[in-house]
C-alpha atoms as a PDB file:
ATOM      1  CA  UNK A   1     156.035  47.668 248.743  1.00  0.00           C
ATOM      2  CA  UNK A   2     157.284  49.368 245.566  1.00  0.00           C
ATOM      3  CA  UNK A   3     153.668  49.666 244.369  1.00  0.00           C
ATOM      4  CA  UNK A   4     152.633  51.376 247.620  1.00  0.00           C
ATOM      5  CA  UNK A   5     155.481  53.903 247.385  1.00  0.00           C
ATOM      6  CA  UNK A   6     154.653  54.680 243.747  1.00  0.00           C
ATOM      7  CA  UNK A   7     150.946  55.025 244.584  1.00  0.00           C
ATOM      8  CA  UNK A   8     151.627  57.339 247.535  1.00  0.00           C
ATOM      9  CA  UNK A   9     154.001  59.444 245.439  1.00  0.00           C
ATOM     10  CA  UNK A  10     151.403  59.711 242.672  1.00  0.00           C
ATOM     11  CA  UNK A  11     148.710  60.755 245.154  1.00  0.00           C
ATOM     12  CA  UNK A  12     150.968  63.406 246.714  1.00  0.00           C
ATOM     13  CA  UNK A  13     151.852  64.865 243.294  1.00  0.00           C
ATOM     14  CA  UNK A  14     148.209  64.793 242.158  1.00  0.00           C
ATOM     15  CA  UNK A  15     147.095  66.549 245.334  1.00  0.00           C
ATOM     16  CA  UNK A  16     149.732  69.271 244.851  1.00  0.00           C
ATOM     17  CA  UNK A  17     148.763  69.827 241.221  1.00  0.00           C
ATOM     18  CA  UNK A  18     145.065  69.814 242.072  1.00  0.00           C
ATOM     19  CA  UNK A  19     145.576  72.275 244.947  1.00  0.00           C
ATOM     20  CA  UNK A  20     147.528  74.643 242.682  1.00  0.00           C
ATOM     21  CA  UNK A  21     144.860  74.610 239.995  1.00  0.00           C
ATOM     22  CA  UNK A  22     142.166  75.664 242.469  1.00  0.00           C
ATOM     23  CA  UNK A  23     144.088  78.689 243.806  1.00  0.00           C
ATOM     24  CA  UNK A  24     143.001  80.909 240.912  1.00  0.00           C
ATOM     25  CA  UNK A  25     140.431  83.637 241.585  1.00  0.00           C
ATOM     26  CA  UNK A  26     138.308  85.185 238.857  1.00  0.00           C
ATOM     27  CA  UNK A  27     139.206  88.882 238.538  1.00  0.00           C
ATOM     28  CA  UNK A  28     137.650  89.768 235.178  1.00  0.00           C
ATOM     29  CA  UNK A  29     134.944  88.345 232.922  1.00  0.00           C
ATOM     30  CA  UNK A  30     134.373  90.401 229.802  1.00  0.00           C
ATOM     31  CA  UNK A  31     133.150  89.580 226.278  1.00  0.00           C
ATOM     32  CA  UNK A  32     133.916  85.882 226.644  1.00  0.00           C
ATOM     33  CA  UNK A  33     137.373  86.451 228.121  1.00  0.00           C
ATOM     34  CA  UNK A  34     137.946  85.321 231.687  1.00  0.00           C
ATOM     35  CA  UNK A  35     140.992  86.367 233.689  1.00  0.00           C
ATOM     36  CA  UNK A  36     142.031  84.528 236.822  1.00  0.00           C
ATOM     37  CA  UNK A  37     144.911  85.363 239.180  1.00  0.00           C
ATOM     38  CA  UNK A  38     146.880  83.482 241.800  1.00  0.00           C
ATOM     39  CA  UNK A  39     150.041  84.147 243.781  1.00  0.00           C
ATOM     40  CA  UNK A  40     153.106  82.138 242.776  1.00  0.00           C
ATOM     41  CA  UNK A  41     156.564  82.017 244.299  1.00  0.00           C
ATOM     42  CA  UNK A  42     159.372  82.164 241.768  1.00  0.00           C
ATOM     43  CA  UNK A  43     162.842  81.069 242.839  1.00  0.00           C
ATOM     44  CA  UNK A  44     166.062  81.595 240.912  1.00  0.00           C
ATOM     45  CA  UNK A  45     168.370  79.844 243.363  1.00  0.00           C
ATOM     46  CA  UNK A  46     171.426  80.243 241.131  1.00  0.00           C
ATOM     47  CA  UNK A  47     171.152  84.050 241.301  1.00  0.00           C
ATOM     48  CA  UNK A  48     169.620  84.255 244.786  1.00  0.00           C
ATOM     49  CA  UNK A  49     166.390  85.856 243.527  1.00  0.00           C
ATOM     50  CA  UNK A  50     163.165  84.893 245.288  1.00  0.00           C
ATOM     51  CA  UNK A  51     160.035  86.787 244.265  1.00  0.00           C
ATOM     52  CA  UNK A  52     156.273  86.615 244.586  1.00  0.00           C
ATOM     53  CA  UNK A  53     154.165  87.231 241.482  1.00  0.00           C
ATOM     54  CA  UNK A  54     150.552  87.107 240.423  1.00  0.00           C
ATOM     55  CA  UNK A  55     150.207  84.598 237.596  1.00  0.00           C
ATOM     56  CA  UNK A  56     147.354  85.571 235.307  1.00  0.00           C
ATOM     57  CA  UNK A  57     145.377  82.983 233.409  1.00  0.00           C
ATOM     58  CA  UNK A  58     143.556  84.301 230.321  1.00  0.00           C
ATOM     59  CA  UNK A  59     140.792  82.061 228.942  1.00  0.00           C
ATOM     60  CA  UNK A  60     138.866  82.559 225.718  1.00  0.00           C
ATOM     61  CA  UNK A  61     135.463  80.977 226.396  1.00  0.00           C
ATOM     62  CA  UNK A  62     134.149  81.782 222.918  1.00  0.00           C
ATOM     63  CA  UNK A  63     134.288  79.877 219.661  1.00  0.00           C
ATOM     64  CA  UNK A  64     136.070  82.779 217.948  1.00  0.00           C
ATOM     65  CA  UNK A  65     139.679  83.936 217.816  1.00  0.00           C
ATOM     66  CA  UNK A  66     140.096  86.843 220.241  1.00  0.00           C
ATOM     67  CA  UNK A  67     142.757  89.541 220.206  1.00  0.00           C
ATOM     68  CA  UNK A  68     142.908  91.073 223.663  1.00  0.00           C
ATOM     69  CA  UNK A  69     144.720  94.357 224.352  1.00  0.00           C
ATOM     70  CA  UNK A  70     145.065  95.959 227.762  1.00  0.00           C
ATOM     71  CA  UNK A  71     147.163  97.955 230.189  1.00  0.00           C
ATOM     72  CA  UNK A  72     147.813  97.292 233.844  1.00  0.00           C
ATOM     73  CA  UNK A  73     147.817  99.986 236.515  1.00  0.00           C
ATOM     74  CA  UNK A  74     150.044  99.241 239.515  1.00  0.00           C
ATOM     75  CA  UNK A  75     149.923 100.475 243.091  1.00  0.00           C
ATOM     76  CA  UNK A  76     153.205 100.099 244.981  1.00  0.00           C
ATOM     77  CA  UNK A  77     153.088 100.605 248.749  1.00  0.00           C
ATOM     78  CA  UNK A  78     149.606 102.127 248.366  1.00  0.00           C
ATOM     79  CA  UNK A  79     150.401 104.681 245.629  1.00  0.00           C
ATOM     80  CA  UNK A  80     149.467 104.261 241.985  1.00  0.00           C
ATOM     81  CA  UNK A  81     152.663 104.492 239.966  1.00  0.00           C
ATOM     82  CA  UNK A  82     151.081 104.192 236.507  1.00  0.00           C
ATOM     83  CA  UNK A  83     147.643 105.833 236.759  1.00  0.00           C
ATOM     84  CA  UNK A  84     148.556 109.263 235.366  1.00  0.00           C
ATOM     85  CA  UNK A  85     151.160 108.078 232.898  1.00  0.00           C
ATOM     86  CA  UNK A  86     150.494 107.713 229.172  1.00  0.00           C
ATOM     87  CA  UNK A  87     149.534 104.293 227.895  1.00  0.00           C
ATOM     88  CA  UNK A  88     152.030 103.539 225.133  1.00  0.00           C
ATOM     89  CA  UNK A  89     152.938 100.561 222.970  1.00  0.00           C
ATOM     90  CA  UNK A  90     155.635  99.752 225.532  1.00  0.00           C
ATOM     91  CA  UNK A  91     153.121  99.238 228.361  1.00  0.00           C
ATOM     92  CA  UNK A  92     150.219  97.886 226.298  1.00  0.00           C
ATOM     93  CA  UNK A  93     149.885  94.117 226.195  1.00  0.00           C
ATOM     94  CA  UNK A  94     148.283  92.068 223.426  1.00  0.00           C
ATOM     95  CA  UNK A  95     147.319  88.406 223.600  1.00  0.00           C
ATOM     96  CA  UNK A  96     146.009  86.279 220.720  1.00  0.00           C
ATOM     97  CA  UNK A  97     143.663  83.593 222.015  1.00  0.00           C
ATOM     98  CA  UNK A  98     142.292  80.812 219.855  1.00  0.00           C
ATOM     99  CA  UNK A  99     138.759  79.532 220.607  1.00  0.00           C
ATOM    100  CA  UNK A 100     138.812  77.809 224.015  1.00  0.00           C
ATOM    101  CA  UNK A 101     142.516  78.582 224.510  1.00  0.00           C
ATOM    102  CA  UNK A 102     144.123  79.365 227.858  1.00  0.00           C
ATOM    103  CA  UNK A 103     147.302  81.430 228.209  1.00  0.00           C
ATOM    104  CA  UNK A 104     148.903  81.346 231.620  1.00  0.00           C
ATOM    105  CA  UNK A 105     151.718  83.197 233.343  1.00  0.00           C
ATOM    106  CA  UNK A 106     154.590  81.193 234.821  1.00  0.00           C
ATOM    107  CA  UNK A 107     157.875  81.848 236.599  1.00  0.00           C
ATOM    108  CA  UNK A 108     159.687  81.397 233.294  1.00  0.00           C
ATOM    109  CA  UNK A 109     161.341  84.588 232.031  1.00  0.00           C
ATOM    110  CA  UNK A 110     159.729  83.865 228.657  1.00  0.00           C
ATOM    111  CA  UNK A 111     156.228  83.864 230.124  1.00  0.00           C
ATOM    112  CA  UNK A 112     153.966  85.840 227.747  1.00  0.00           C
ATOM    113  CA  UNK A 113     153.935  89.566 228.492  1.00  0.00           C
ATOM    114  CA  UNK A 114     150.882  90.581 230.515  1.00  0.00           C
ATOM    115  CA  UNK A 115     150.550  87.209 232.235  1.00  0.00           C
ATOM    116  CA  UNK A 116     152.784  87.784 235.273  1.00  0.00           C
ATOM    117  CA  UNK A 117     152.699  90.708 237.709  1.00  0.00           C
ATOM    118  CA  UNK A 118     155.468  91.397 240.220  1.00  0.00           C
ATOM    119  CA  UNK A 119     154.210  91.434 243.814  1.00  0.00           C
ATOM    120  CA  UNK A 120     157.313  91.613 246.023  1.00  0.00           C
ATOM    121  CA  UNK A 121     160.687  90.156 246.985  1.00  0.00           C
ATOM    122  CA  UNK A 122     160.216  87.188 249.303  1.00  0.00           C
ATOM    123  CA  UNK A 123     163.144  87.706 251.664  1.00  0.00           C
ATOM    124  CA  UNK A 124     163.674  91.473 251.456  1.00  0.00           C
ATOM    125  CA  UNK A 125     161.125  93.327 253.566  1.00  0.00           C
ATOM    126  CA  UNK A 126     162.536  96.713 252.457  1.00  0.00           C
ATOM    127  CA  UNK A 127     161.712  96.209 248.776  1.00  0.00           C
ATOM    128  CA  UNK A 128     158.564  97.860 247.379  1.00  0.00           C
ATOM    129  CA  UNK A 129     155.413  95.734 247.419  1.00  0.00           C
ATOM    130  CA  UNK A 130     152.492  95.698 245.047  1.00  0.00           C
ATOM    131  CA  UNK A 131     149.398  96.675 246.989  1.00  0.00           C
ATOM    132  CA  UNK A 132     146.930  96.591 244.089  1.00  0.00           C
ATOM    133  CA  UNK A 133     146.679  96.197 240.328  1.00  0.00           C
ATOM    134  CA  UNK A 134     143.922  96.789 237.789  1.00  0.00           C
ATOM    135  CA  UNK A 135     143.536  95.688 234.205  1.00  0.00           C
ATOM    136  CA  UNK A 136     142.493  98.821 232.297  1.00  0.00           C
ATOM    137  CA  UNK A 137     141.728  99.823 228.702  1.00  0.00           C
ATOM    138  CA  UNK A 138     140.677  96.272 227.882  1.00  0.00           C
ATOM    139  CA  UNK A 139     139.615  95.713 224.284  1.00  0.00           C
ATOM    140  CA  UNK A 140     138.525  92.373 222.837  1.00  0.00           C
ATOM    141  CA  UNK A 141     138.443  92.015 219.063  1.00  0.00           C
ATOM    142  CA  UNK A 142     137.003  88.800 217.682  1.00  0.00           C
ATOM    143  CA  UNK A 143     137.992  87.479 214.295  1.00  0.00           C
END
């Protein structure tokens, strides 16, 4: 009986993990760098914060070190809020990817910058919602 419970638990966990890993959609494929996105719910129950984000997965498919720099333009409630603003060091993201490496956004507050994009509050329908985003000014330097 214990074996059956452990087996069923393992299968349920495996199915959940497998289902999560297939939710990613390819949004960019440039110079050996692939970017995938999926929606993730992030819950901070202690502070009552429940948000929806896009987690970005950056994959270096080359056999070279890649330094990727980019900006992200955001549309909130249908209007671009960053399109006509200067791209500065503050809103430029840089990722260092080793050959074959994957960097992925998570709910963790220490998730690498440029790997998580705010979508909306889950339980507050009056908060602004992301209606679109675009990765712009992408540069890939290989070492």
